[in-house]
């Protein structure tokens, strides 16, 4: 009997891992009585988090809490643009348990469902926990893992911010600036920042992470005409950043991707 159970479990995992990963619709009423539509969320430009847990799994809530803290930081800048679902890997957990799992672990970001076997198989099988990040109107799987690590939170954060922020557009270019370029982008070990000023101006050039924290100051001086600044990105971890050009108190930004 035990051998047949183990064989069934093994076959389930083999079958699950062999499944092609495509976004699966999740809609209807959750365990709190609220109605949702996952594909509608994606079509609205939102990021969607899926967290599959095993009942009584002590290692499943901590990653969900780390992801929730990361998502809440982004939601402060992009209200309503992340939705999250929590569901067990099986179809035998009750709605009462799923709802209690969310509230007991203070996971207010997540909407509980009671059945996740088909969903988790679609995304490659079950881990403790399985975490999936979806995004884009083209319904992309931006991230998935069966063995969550703390570093995954950073990767997920960068993916969400890349989705929600304009990919490379210059925002709020001051009238005294004729051009503002960042190249190469993505950058490996070095990046050039080039801008053309119409008049002598107080200029600050720096780099921030995607949450707005300054990680480097490149220049802070009076400038005029065409200016090019070189910066080594070797010390920056892979991910997304913003180059800020502040001219006489007005700021323009461009996204910079570092990929060593």
C-alpha atoms as a PDB file:
ATOM      1  CA  UNK A   1       0.000   0.000   0.000  1.00  0.00           C
ATOM      2  CA  UNK A   2       2.777   2.425   0.988  1.00  0.00           C
ATOM      3  CA  UNK A   3       4.690   1.615  -2.223  1.00  0.00           C
ATOM      4  CA  UNK A   4       1.644   2.336  -4.397  1.00  0.00           C
ATOM      5  CA  UNK A   5       1.107   5.662  -2.644  1.00  0.00           C
ATOM      6  CA  UNK A   6       4.741   6.623  -3.197  1.00  0.00           C
ATOM      7  CA  UNK A   7       4.486   5.570  -6.839  1.00  0.00           C
ATOM      8  CA  UNK A   8       1.344   7.670  -7.304  1.00  0.00           C
ATOM      9  CA  UNK A   9       3.054  10.689  -5.767  1.00  0.00           C
ATOM     10  CA  UNK A  10       6.116  10.185  -7.987  1.00  0.00           C
ATOM     11  CA  UNK A  11       3.970   9.912 -11.109  1.00  0.00           C
ATOM     12  CA  UNK A  12       2.091  13.058 -10.085  1.00  0.00           C
ATOM     13  CA  UNK A  13       5.345  15.021  -9.834  1.00  0.00           C
ATOM     14  CA  UNK A  14       6.662  13.649 -13.134  1.00  0.00           C
ATOM     15  CA  UNK A  15       3.410  14.546 -14.826  1.00  0.00           C
ATOM     16  CA  UNK A  16       3.377  17.981 -13.209  1.00  0.00           C
ATOM     17  CA  UNK A  17       6.935  18.872 -14.178  1.00  0.00           C
ATOM     18  CA  UNK A  18       6.342  17.768 -17.764  1.00  0.00           C
ATOM     19  CA  UNK A  19       3.435  20.171 -18.195  1.00  0.00           C
ATOM     20  CA  UNK A  20       4.059  23.188 -20.394  1.00  0.00           C
ATOM     21  CA  UNK A  21       3.914  26.410 -18.454  1.00  0.00           C
ATOM     22  CA  UNK A  22       1.176  28.702 -19.681  1.00  0.00           C
ATOM     23  CA  UNK A  23      -1.002  31.077 -17.702  1.00  0.00           C
ATOM     24  CA  UNK A  24      -4.177  29.428 -16.444  1.00  0.00           C
ATOM     25  CA  UNK A  25      -7.335  31.346 -15.712  1.00  0.00           C
ATOM     26  CA  UNK A  26      -8.428  31.624 -12.082  1.00  0.00           C
ATOM     27  CA  UNK A  27     -11.797  33.235 -11.498  1.00  0.00           C
ATOM     28  CA  UNK A  28     -14.924  32.989  -9.438  1.00  0.00           C
ATOM     29  CA  UNK A  29     -15.514  33.531  -5.731  1.00  0.00           C
ATOM     30  CA  UNK A  30     -12.687  33.070  -3.232  1.00  0.00           C
ATOM     31  CA  UNK A  31     -12.967  31.687   0.299  1.00  0.00           C
ATOM     32  CA  UNK A  32     -13.883  35.135   1.640  1.00  0.00           C
ATOM     33  CA  UNK A  33     -16.787  35.455  -0.793  1.00  0.00           C
ATOM     34  CA  UNK A  34     -15.078  37.926  -3.138  1.00  0.00           C
ATOM     35  CA  UNK A  35     -15.074  37.483  -6.911  1.00  0.00           C
ATOM     36  CA  UNK A  36     -11.854  37.614  -8.955  1.00  0.00           C
ATOM     37  CA  UNK A  37     -10.645  37.224 -12.534  1.00  0.00           C
ATOM     38  CA  UNK A  38      -6.921  36.555 -12.969  1.00  0.00           C
ATOM     39  CA  UNK A  39      -6.810  37.190 -16.723  1.00  0.00           C
ATOM     40  CA  UNK A  40      -8.696  40.463 -16.268  1.00  0.00           C
ATOM     41  CA  UNK A  41      -6.023  41.513 -13.758  1.00  0.00           C
ATOM     42  CA  UNK A  42      -3.302  40.801 -16.325  1.00  0.00           C
ATOM     43  CA  UNK A  43      -5.211  42.631 -19.062  1.00  0.00           C
ATOM     44  CA  UNK A  44      -5.375  45.647 -16.735  1.00  0.00           C
ATOM     45  CA  UNK A  45      -1.559  45.687 -16.554  1.00  0.00           C
ATOM     46  CA  UNK A  46      -1.319  44.248 -13.045  1.00  0.00           C
ATOM     47  CA  UNK A  47       1.239  41.824 -11.645  1.00  0.00           C
ATOM     48  CA  UNK A  48      -0.282  38.644 -10.217  1.00  0.00           C
ATOM     49  CA  UNK A  49       1.322  36.497  -7.494  1.00  0.00           C
ATOM     50  CA  UNK A  50       0.385  32.853  -6.927  1.00  0.00           C
ATOM     51  CA  UNK A  51       1.465  31.138  -3.690  1.00  0.00           C
ATOM     52  CA  UNK A  52       0.804  27.393  -3.414  1.00  0.00           C
ATOM     53  CA  UNK A  53       1.169  26.002   0.106  1.00  0.00           C
ATOM     54  CA  UNK A  54       0.872  22.659   1.851  1.00  0.00           C
ATOM     55  CA  UNK A  55      -1.466  22.577   4.858  1.00  0.00           C
ATOM     56  CA  UNK A  56       0.546  22.426   8.101  1.00  0.00           C
ATOM     57  CA  UNK A  57       3.736  23.370   6.218  1.00  0.00           C
ATOM     58  CA  UNK A  58       5.844  25.554   8.514  1.00  0.00           C
ATOM     59  CA  UNK A  59       8.177  26.655   5.705  1.00  0.00           C
ATOM     60  CA  UNK A  60       5.377  28.042   3.499  1.00  0.00           C
ATOM     61  CA  UNK A  61       4.274  31.218   5.389  1.00  0.00           C
ATOM     62  CA  UNK A  62       7.717  32.932   5.757  1.00  0.00           C
ATOM     63  CA  UNK A  63       8.286  33.316   1.976  1.00  0.00           C
ATOM     64  CA  UNK A  64       4.726  34.618   1.604  1.00  0.00           C
ATOM     65  CA  UNK A  65       5.466  37.256   4.256  1.00  0.00           C
ATOM     66  CA  UNK A  66       8.693  38.327   2.527  1.00  0.00           C
ATOM     67  CA  UNK A  67       6.905  38.618  -0.800  1.00  0.00           C
ATOM     68  CA  UNK A  68       4.064  40.557   0.823  1.00  0.00           C
ATOM     69  CA  UNK A  69       6.506  43.079   2.336  1.00  0.00           C
ATOM     70  CA  UNK A  70       8.149  43.558  -1.075  1.00  0.00           C
ATOM     71  CA  UNK A  71       4.790  43.923  -2.815  1.00  0.00           C
ATOM     72  CA  UNK A  72       3.508  46.433  -0.259  1.00  0.00           C
ATOM     73  CA  UNK A  73       6.519  48.675  -0.963  1.00  0.00           C
ATOM     74  CA  UNK A  74       5.636  48.647  -4.656  1.00  0.00           C
ATOM     75  CA  UNK A  75       1.930  49.146  -3.984  1.00  0.00           C
ATOM     76  CA  UNK A  76       2.797  52.361  -2.140  1.00  0.00           C
ATOM     77  CA  UNK A  77       3.952  53.722  -5.511  1.00  0.00           C
ATOM     78  CA  UNK A  78       1.519  51.781  -7.734  1.00  0.00           C
ATOM     79  CA  UNK A  79      -1.722  51.332  -5.773  1.00  0.00           C
ATOM     80  CA  UNK A  80      -3.878  48.416  -6.841  1.00  0.00           C
ATOM     81  CA  UNK A  81      -1.402  47.077  -9.383  1.00  0.00           C
ATOM     82  CA  UNK A  82      -0.532  43.791  -7.651  1.00  0.00           C
ATOM     83  CA  UNK A  83      -2.963  41.014  -6.811  1.00  0.00           C
ATOM     84  CA  UNK A  84      -2.048  37.813  -4.986  1.00  0.00           C
ATOM     85  CA  UNK A  85      -3.700  34.451  -4.538  1.00  0.00           C
ATOM     86  CA  UNK A  86      -2.955  31.750  -1.953  1.00  0.00           C
ATOM     87  CA  UNK A  87      -4.136  28.202  -2.440  1.00  0.00           C
ATOM     88  CA  UNK A  88      -3.236  24.690  -1.260  1.00  0.00           C
ATOM     89  CA  UNK A  89      -1.533  22.328  -3.689  1.00  0.00           C
ATOM     90  CA  UNK A  90      -4.448  19.873  -3.388  1.00  0.00           C
ATOM     91  CA  UNK A  91      -8.229  19.905  -3.831  1.00  0.00           C
ATOM     92  CA  UNK A  92      -9.063  18.415  -0.408  1.00  0.00           C
ATOM     93  CA  UNK A  93      -8.376  21.450   1.814  1.00  0.00           C
ATOM     94  CA  UNK A  94     -11.442  23.276   3.053  1.00  0.00           C
ATOM     95  CA  UNK A  95     -12.183  26.924   2.363  1.00  0.00           C
ATOM     96  CA  UNK A  96     -12.275  27.513   6.108  1.00  0.00           C
ATOM     97  CA  UNK A  97      -8.694  26.261   6.403  1.00  0.00           C
ATOM     98  CA  UNK A  98      -7.438  28.293   3.413  1.00  0.00           C
ATOM     99  CA  UNK A  99      -9.016  31.485   4.748  1.00  0.00           C
ATOM    100  CA  UNK A 100      -7.634  30.782   8.230  1.00  0.00           C
ATOM    101  CA  UNK A 101      -4.148  30.135   6.787  1.00  0.00           C
ATOM    102  CA  UNK A 102      -4.149  33.626   5.285  1.00  0.00           C
ATOM    103  CA  UNK A 103      -5.472  35.440   8.360  1.00  0.00           C
ATOM    104  CA  UNK A 104      -3.470  33.460  10.943  1.00  0.00           C
ATOM    105  CA  UNK A 105      -0.240  34.240   9.107  1.00  0.00           C
ATOM    106  CA  UNK A 106      -1.158  37.943   8.649  1.00  0.00           C
ATOM    107  CA  UNK A 107      -1.090  37.638   4.859  1.00  0.00           C
ATOM    108  CA  UNK A 108      -3.611  40.322   4.000  1.00  0.00           C
ATOM    109  CA  UNK A 109      -2.249  40.685   0.462  1.00  0.00           C
ATOM    110  CA  UNK A 110      -3.382  37.194  -0.499  1.00  0.00           C
ATOM    111  CA  UNK A 111      -6.851  36.047  -1.545  1.00  0.00           C
ATOM    112  CA  UNK A 112      -7.508  32.436  -0.429  1.00  0.00           C
ATOM    113  CA  UNK A 113      -8.826  29.625  -2.603  1.00  0.00           C
ATOM    114  CA  UNK A 114      -9.360  26.041  -1.431  1.00  0.00           C
ATOM    115  CA  UNK A 115      -8.293  24.076  -4.534  1.00  0.00           C
ATOM    116  CA  UNK A 116      -4.964  24.366  -6.335  1.00  0.00           C
ATOM    117  CA  UNK A 117      -4.027  20.928  -7.700  1.00  0.00           C
ATOM    118  CA  UNK A 118      -4.713  21.740 -11.350  1.00  0.00           C
ATOM    119  CA  UNK A 119      -3.104  25.161 -11.078  1.00  0.00           C
ATOM    120  CA  UNK A 120       0.104  23.958  -9.403  1.00  0.00           C
ATOM    121  CA  UNK A 121       0.479  21.125 -11.930  1.00  0.00           C
ATOM    122  CA  UNK A 122       0.152  23.662 -14.726  1.00  0.00           C
ATOM    123  CA  UNK A 123       3.063  25.681 -13.314  1.00  0.00           C
ATOM    124  CA  UNK A 124       5.480  22.765 -13.054  1.00  0.00           C
ATOM    125  CA  UNK A 125       4.730  20.820  -9.889  1.00  0.00           C
ATOM    126  CA  UNK A 126       4.670  21.341  -6.169  1.00  0.00           C
ATOM    127  CA  UNK A 127       7.418  22.697  -3.917  1.00  0.00           C
ATOM    128  CA  UNK A 128       7.201  24.022  -0.370  1.00  0.00           C
ATOM    129  CA  UNK A 129       6.123  26.552  -1.405  1.00  0.00           C
ATOM    130  CA  UNK A 130       5.569  26.946  -5.136  1.00  0.00           C
ATOM    131  CA  UNK A 131       5.635  30.629  -6.101  1.00  0.00           C
ATOM    132  CA  UNK A 132       4.616  32.014  -9.508  1.00  0.00           C
ATOM    133  CA  UNK A 133       4.643  35.608 -10.781  1.00  0.00           C
ATOM    134  CA  UNK A 134       2.529  36.550 -13.785  1.00  0.00           C
ATOM    135  CA  UNK A 135       2.332  39.836 -15.681  1.00  0.00           C
ATOM    136  CA  UNK A 136       1.654  41.598 -18.953  1.00  0.00           C
ATOM    137  CA  UNK A 137      -1.295  41.844 -21.286  1.00  0.00           C
ATOM    138  CA  UNK A 138       0.389  39.029 -23.227  1.00  0.00           C
ATOM    139  CA  UNK A 139      -0.060  36.836 -20.125  1.00  0.00           C
ATOM    140  CA  UNK A 140       3.574  36.066 -19.334  1.00  0.00           C
ATOM    141  CA  UNK A 141       5.009  33.848 -16.599  1.00  0.00           C
ATOM    142  CA  UNK A 142       7.680  36.242 -15.336  1.00  0.00           C
ATOM    143  CA  UNK A 143       9.006  34.051 -12.518  1.00  0.00           C
ATOM    144  CA  UNK A 144       8.362  30.661 -10.926  1.00  0.00           C
ATOM    145  CA  UNK A 145      10.108  28.459  -8.390  1.00  0.00           C
ATOM    146  CA  UNK A 146       9.537  25.220  -6.496  1.00  0.00           C
ATOM    147  CA  UNK A 147      12.222  26.043  -3.918  1.00  0.00           C
ATOM    148  CA  UNK A 148      11.920  29.649  -2.771  1.00  0.00           C
ATOM    149  CA  UNK A 149      14.989  31.556  -1.559  1.00  0.00           C
ATOM    150  CA  UNK A 150      15.340  35.089  -0.188  1.00  0.00           C
ATOM    151  CA  UNK A 151      17.117  36.214  -3.383  1.00  0.00           C
ATOM    152  CA  UNK A 152      13.956  35.366  -5.333  1.00  0.00           C
ATOM    153  CA  UNK A 153      12.230  38.344  -3.704  1.00  0.00           C
ATOM    154  CA  UNK A 154      14.679  40.714  -5.400  1.00  0.00           C
ATOM    155  CA  UNK A 155      14.206  39.054  -8.779  1.00  0.00           C
ATOM    156  CA  UNK A 156      10.443  39.244  -8.421  1.00  0.00           C
ATOM    157  CA  UNK A 157      10.615  42.896  -7.313  1.00  0.00           C
ATOM    158  CA  UNK A 158      12.679  43.844 -10.363  1.00  0.00           C
ATOM    159  CA  UNK A 159      10.305  41.994 -12.687  1.00  0.00           C
ATOM    160  CA  UNK A 160       7.267  43.737 -11.216  1.00  0.00           C
ATOM    161  CA  UNK A 161       8.862  47.180 -11.394  1.00  0.00           C
ATOM    162  CA  UNK A 162       9.985  46.562 -14.981  1.00  0.00           C
ATOM    163  CA  UNK A 163       6.360  45.702 -15.772  1.00  0.00           C
ATOM    164  CA  UNK A 164       4.846  48.715 -14.020  1.00  0.00           C
ATOM    165  CA  UNK A 165       7.416  51.366 -14.950  1.00  0.00           C
ATOM    166  CA  UNK A 166       7.899  52.730 -18.472  1.00  0.00           C
ATOM    167  CA  UNK A 167      10.641  50.512 -19.899  1.00  0.00           C
ATOM    168  CA  UNK A 168      13.015  53.203 -21.128  1.00  0.00           C
ATOM    169  CA  UNK A 169      11.073  56.406 -21.536  1.00  0.00           C
ATOM    170  CA  UNK A 170      12.499  59.732 -20.394  1.00  0.00           C
ATOM    171  CA  UNK A 171      10.181  61.255 -17.833  1.00  0.00           C
ATOM    172  CA  UNK A 172       9.889  64.979 -17.121  1.00  0.00           C
ATOM    173  CA  UNK A 173      12.771  66.179 -19.314  1.00  0.00           C
ATOM    174  CA  UNK A 174      13.571  69.744 -18.142  1.00  0.00           C
ATOM    175  CA  UNK A 175      13.163  72.467 -20.780  1.00  0.00           C
ATOM    176  CA  UNK A 176      16.858  73.378 -20.421  1.00  0.00           C
ATOM    177  CA  UNK A 177      17.918  69.870 -21.532  1.00  0.00           C
ATOM    178  CA  UNK A 178      18.053  69.104 -25.265  1.00  0.00           C
ATOM    179  CA  UNK A 179      18.822  65.385 -24.932  1.00  0.00           C
ATOM    180  CA  UNK A 180      19.455  62.722 -22.296  1.00  0.00           C
ATOM    181  CA  UNK A 181      20.858  59.286 -23.213  1.00  0.00           C
ATOM    182  CA  UNK A 182      21.989  56.243 -21.239  1.00  0.00           C
ATOM    183  CA  UNK A 183      23.995  53.602 -23.119  1.00  0.00           C
ATOM    184  CA  UNK A 184      24.640  50.746 -23.412  1.00  0.00           C
ATOM    185  CA  UNK A 185      21.398  49.654 -21.824  1.00  0.00           C
ATOM    186  CA  UNK A 186      21.398  46.910 -20.575  1.00  0.00           C
ATOM    187  CA  UNK A 187      24.880  47.627 -19.211  1.00  0.00           C
ATOM    188  CA  UNK A 188      27.538  45.080 -18.373  1.00  0.00           C
ATOM    189  CA  UNK A 189      30.433  46.783 -16.564  1.00  0.00           C
ATOM    190  CA  UNK A 190      30.237  50.394 -17.748  1.00  0.00           C
ATOM    191  CA  UNK A 191      27.585  52.882 -18.776  1.00  0.00           C
ATOM    192  CA  UNK A 192      27.780  56.299 -20.457  1.00  0.00           C
ATOM    193  CA  UNK A 193      25.359  59.064 -19.516  1.00  0.00           C
ATOM    194  CA  UNK A 194      25.129  61.805 -22.095  1.00  0.00           C
ATOM    195  CA  UNK A 195      23.087  65.020 -21.913  1.00  0.00           C
ATOM    196  CA  UNK A 196      23.002  68.365 -23.696  1.00  0.00           C
ATOM    197  CA  UNK A 197      22.314  71.515 -21.670  1.00  0.00           C
ATOM    198  CA  UNK A 198      21.082  74.736 -23.291  1.00  0.00           C
ATOM    199  CA  UNK A 199      22.550  76.891 -20.518  1.00  0.00           C
ATOM    200  CA  UNK A 200      24.832  76.676 -17.495  1.00  0.00           C
ATOM    201  CA  UNK A 201      22.939  74.786 -14.827  1.00  0.00           C
ATOM    202  CA  UNK A 202      23.317  73.122 -11.451  1.00  0.00           C
ATOM    203  CA  UNK A 203      23.386  69.425 -12.310  1.00  0.00           C
ATOM    204  CA  UNK A 204      23.233  66.269 -10.209  1.00  0.00           C
ATOM    205  CA  UNK A 205      23.487  62.843 -11.831  1.00  0.00           C
ATOM    206  CA  UNK A 206      22.868  59.794  -9.674  1.00  0.00           C
ATOM    207  CA  UNK A 207      21.523  56.253  -9.733  1.00  0.00           C
ATOM    208  CA  UNK A 208      18.712  54.869  -7.581  1.00  0.00           C
ATOM    209  CA  UNK A 209      17.304  51.413  -7.105  1.00  0.00           C
ATOM    210  CA  UNK A 210      13.764  50.752  -8.261  1.00  0.00           C
ATOM    211  CA  UNK A 211      12.336  51.866  -4.916  1.00  0.00           C
ATOM    212  CA  UNK A 212      14.050  55.271  -5.188  1.00  0.00           C
ATOM    213  CA  UNK A 213      16.977  54.684  -2.815  1.00  0.00           C
ATOM    214  CA  UNK A 214      20.164  56.349  -4.035  1.00  0.00           C
ATOM    215  CA  UNK A 215      22.921  53.824  -4.730  1.00  0.00           C
ATOM    216  CA  UNK A 216      25.524  56.069  -6.433  1.00  0.00           C
ATOM    217  CA  UNK A 217      26.310  59.740  -7.117  1.00  0.00           C
ATOM    218  CA  UNK A 218      27.957  60.234 -10.508  1.00  0.00           C
ATOM    219  CA  UNK A 219      28.236  64.019 -10.694  1.00  0.00           C
ATOM    220  CA  UNK A 220      27.265  67.087  -8.687  1.00  0.00           C
ATOM    221  CA  UNK A 221      28.469  70.365 -10.298  1.00  0.00           C
ATOM    222  CA  UNK A 222      27.647  73.218 -12.673  1.00  0.00           C
ATOM    223  CA  UNK A 223      27.561  72.097 -16.312  1.00  0.00           C
ATOM    224  CA  UNK A 224      26.917  73.533 -19.769  1.00  0.00           C
ATOM    225  CA  UNK A 225      26.696  72.181 -23.318  1.00  0.00           C
ATOM    226  CA  UNK A 226      27.211  68.512 -24.167  1.00  0.00           C
ATOM    227  CA  UNK A 227      28.305  66.457 -21.152  1.00  0.00           C
ATOM    228  CA  UNK A 228      29.234  62.771 -20.986  1.00  0.00           C
ATOM    229  CA  UNK A 229      29.733  60.932 -17.717  1.00  0.00           C
ATOM    230  CA  UNK A 230      31.142  57.412 -17.393  1.00  0.00           C
ATOM    231  CA  UNK A 231      30.122  55.113 -14.590  1.00  0.00           C
ATOM    232  CA  UNK A 232      31.226  51.585 -13.700  1.00  0.00           C
ATOM    233  CA  UNK A 233      28.289  49.327 -12.951  1.00  0.00           C
ATOM    234  CA  UNK A 234      30.579  46.467 -11.872  1.00  0.00           C
ATOM    235  CA  UNK A 235      29.679  46.893  -8.197  1.00  0.00           C
ATOM    236  CA  UNK A 236      25.919  46.968  -8.820  1.00  0.00           C
ATOM    237  CA  UNK A 237      24.025  43.666  -8.559  1.00  0.00           C
ATOM    238  CA  UNK A 238      22.106  42.585 -11.632  1.00  0.00           C
ATOM    239  CA  UNK A 239      18.696  44.216 -11.833  1.00  0.00           C
ATOM    240  CA  UNK A 240      16.847  47.388 -12.742  1.00  0.00           C
ATOM    241  CA  UNK A 241      17.828  50.898 -11.634  1.00  0.00           C
ATOM    242  CA  UNK A 242      17.044  54.488 -12.549  1.00  0.00           C
ATOM    243  CA  UNK A 243      19.491  57.124 -13.761  1.00  0.00           C
ATOM    244  CA  UNK A 244      18.361  60.543 -12.512  1.00  0.00           C
ATOM    245  CA  UNK A 245      19.361  63.797 -14.164  1.00  0.00           C
ATOM    246  CA  UNK A 246      18.525  66.716 -11.857  1.00  0.00           C
ATOM    247  CA  UNK A 247      18.867  70.130 -13.488  1.00  0.00           C
ATOM    248  CA  UNK A 248      18.123  73.268 -11.457  1.00  0.00           C
ATOM    249  CA  UNK A 249      15.854  71.280  -9.180  1.00  0.00           C
ATOM    250  CA  UNK A 250      13.943  69.484 -11.976  1.00  0.00           C
ATOM    251  CA  UNK A 251      14.430  65.765 -12.511  1.00  0.00           C
ATOM    252  CA  UNK A 252      14.412  63.492 -15.552  1.00  0.00           C
ATOM    253  CA  UNK A 253      14.794  59.704 -15.205  1.00  0.00           C
ATOM    254  CA  UNK A 254      15.637  56.764 -17.409  1.00  0.00           C
ATOM    255  CA  UNK A 255      15.585  53.094 -16.496  1.00  0.00           C
ATOM    256  CA  UNK A 256      18.931  51.290 -16.504  1.00  0.00           C
ATOM    257  CA  UNK A 257      19.247  47.514 -16.553  1.00  0.00           C
ATOM    258  CA  UNK A 258      22.470  46.009 -15.200  1.00  0.00           C
ATOM    259  CA  UNK A 259      23.252  42.534 -16.535  1.00  0.00           C
ATOM    260  CA  UNK A 260      26.800  41.274 -15.914  1.00  0.00           C
END
